Amino acid sequence: MNKNKHVIDMIFPIALFFVFISSCFIVLILSFHTYRKTVQLEQSNYQTRTALSYITQKIHQNDLIDSVSLQQIDQKDVLLLKYHLLIVYE
């Protein structure tokens, strides 16, 4: 009864296995590229937010009159922060 097996009975599962492995590999490669782009974008956003947060904090620290001003140095607009030392005696 088992002598009537065909070659396709053995080739089909092997071919199906290779299709499965190749599709897993393709999904893995696409996921890697997507993950890499996401990490690069997050690093760029983090660097921008960190710099802007630092500048914002410095402006808040110098919230006295005439402490923050815009000036031109070498034909470029510059944010000038003047530091005022406040000494309180009791």
Protein backbone atom coordinates (compact mmCIF):
# COMPACT_ATOMS: atom_id res chain seq x y z
CA MET A 1 0.00 0.00 0.00
CA ASN A 2 2.77 2.48 0.84
CA LYS A 3 4.66 1.69 -2.34
CA ASN A 4 2.39 4.02 -4.32
CA LYS A 5 3.94 7.18 -2.77
CA HIS A 6 4.90 9.88 -5.20
CA VAL A 7 7.92 12.15 -5.18
CA ILE A 8 5.63 15.17 -4.74
CA ASP A 9 4.65 13.86 -1.30
CA MET A 10 8.21 14.58 -0.18
CA ILE A 11 9.00 17.66 -2.27
CA PHE A 12 5.88 19.64 -1.31
CA PRO A 13 6.57 19.82 2.47
CA ILE A 14 10.22 20.72 1.83
CA ALA A 15 9.22 23.47 -0.63
CA LEU A 16 6.61 24.74 1.81
CA PHE A 17 9.25 24.83 4.55
CA PHE A 18 11.62 26.89 2.36
CA VAL A 19 8.82 29.33 1.46
CA PHE A 20 8.09 29.76 5.15
CA ILE A 21 11.76 30.31 6.03
CA SER A 22 12.27 32.81 3.18
CA SER A 23 9.15 34.80 4.15
CA CYS A 24 10.36 34.91 7.77
CA PHE A 25 13.72 36.19 6.58
CA ILE A 26 12.11 38.92 4.44
CA VAL A 27 9.91 40.05 7.35
CA LEU A 28 12.98 40.13 9.59
CA ILE A 29 14.92 42.32 7.14
CA LEU A 30 12.01 44.74 6.70
CA SER A 31 11.54 44.94 10.47
CA PHE A 32 15.24 45.67 10.94
CA HIS A 33 15.12 48.62 8.51
CA THR A 34 11.97 50.01 10.14
CA TYR A 35 13.47 49.69 13.61
CA ARG A 36 16.70 51.40 12.55
CA LYS A 37 14.81 54.35 11.03
CA THR A 38 12.69 54.68 14.17
CA VAL A 39 15.75 54.69 16.44
CA GLN A 40 17.49 57.33 14.29
CA LEU A 41 14.38 59.53 14.34
CA GLU A 42 14.03 59.18 18.11
CA GLN A 43 17.70 60.07 18.67
CA SER A 44 17.35 63.14 16.48
CA ASN A 45 14.20 64.22 18.31
CA TYR A 46 15.85 63.62 21.68
CA GLN A 47 18.84 65.78 20.77
CA THR A 48 16.57 68.58 19.55
CA ARG A 49 14.33 68.43 22.63
CA THR A 50 17.33 68.39 24.97
CA ALA A 51 18.86 71.48 23.40
CA LEU A 52 15.56 73.36 23.36
CA SER A 53 14.85 72.36 26.95
CA TYR A 54 18.27 73.66 28.01
CA ILE A 55 17.73 77.01 26.28
CA THR A 56 14.22 77.32 27.70
CA GLN A 57 15.51 76.64 31.21
CA LYS A 58 18.24 79.27 30.84
CA ILE A 59 15.68 81.84 29.68
CA HIS A 60 13.49 81.01 32.69
CA GLN A 61 16.47 81.42 35.01
CA ASN A 62 17.12 84.90 33.62
CA ASP A 63 13.58 86.23 33.91
CA LEU A 64 14.60 89.64 35.24
CA ILE A 65 14.19 92.93 33.39
CA ASP A 66 16.82 93.37 30.65
CA SER A 67 18.26 89.91 31.27
CA VAL A 68 17.23 88.47 27.92
CA SER A 69 17.77 90.34 24.68
CA LEU A 70 18.45 89.82 20.99
CA GLN A 71 21.59 91.28 19.44
CA GLN A 72 23.46 90.98 16.18
CA ILE A 73 27.00 89.67 16.29
CA ASP A 74 28.85 89.08 13.02
CA GLN A 75 25.59 89.66 11.12
CA LYS A 76 23.86 86.85 13.00
CA ASP A 77 21.02 87.18 15.48
CA VAL A 78 22.12 86.08 18.94
CA LEU A 79 20.11 85.52 22.11
CA LEU A 80 21.97 87.32 24.87
CA LEU A 81 21.42 86.16 28.44
CA LYS A 82 22.79 88.37 31.19
CA TYR A 83 23.35 86.66 34.50
CA HIS A 84 22.36 88.71 37.55
CA LEU A 85 23.62 87.50 40.86
CA LEU A 86 21.10 88.17 43.58
CA ILE A 87 22.41 88.21 47.10
CA VAL A 88 19.89 88.25 49.88
CA TYR A 89 20.98 89.25 53.40
CA GLU A 90 18.84 88.56 56.39
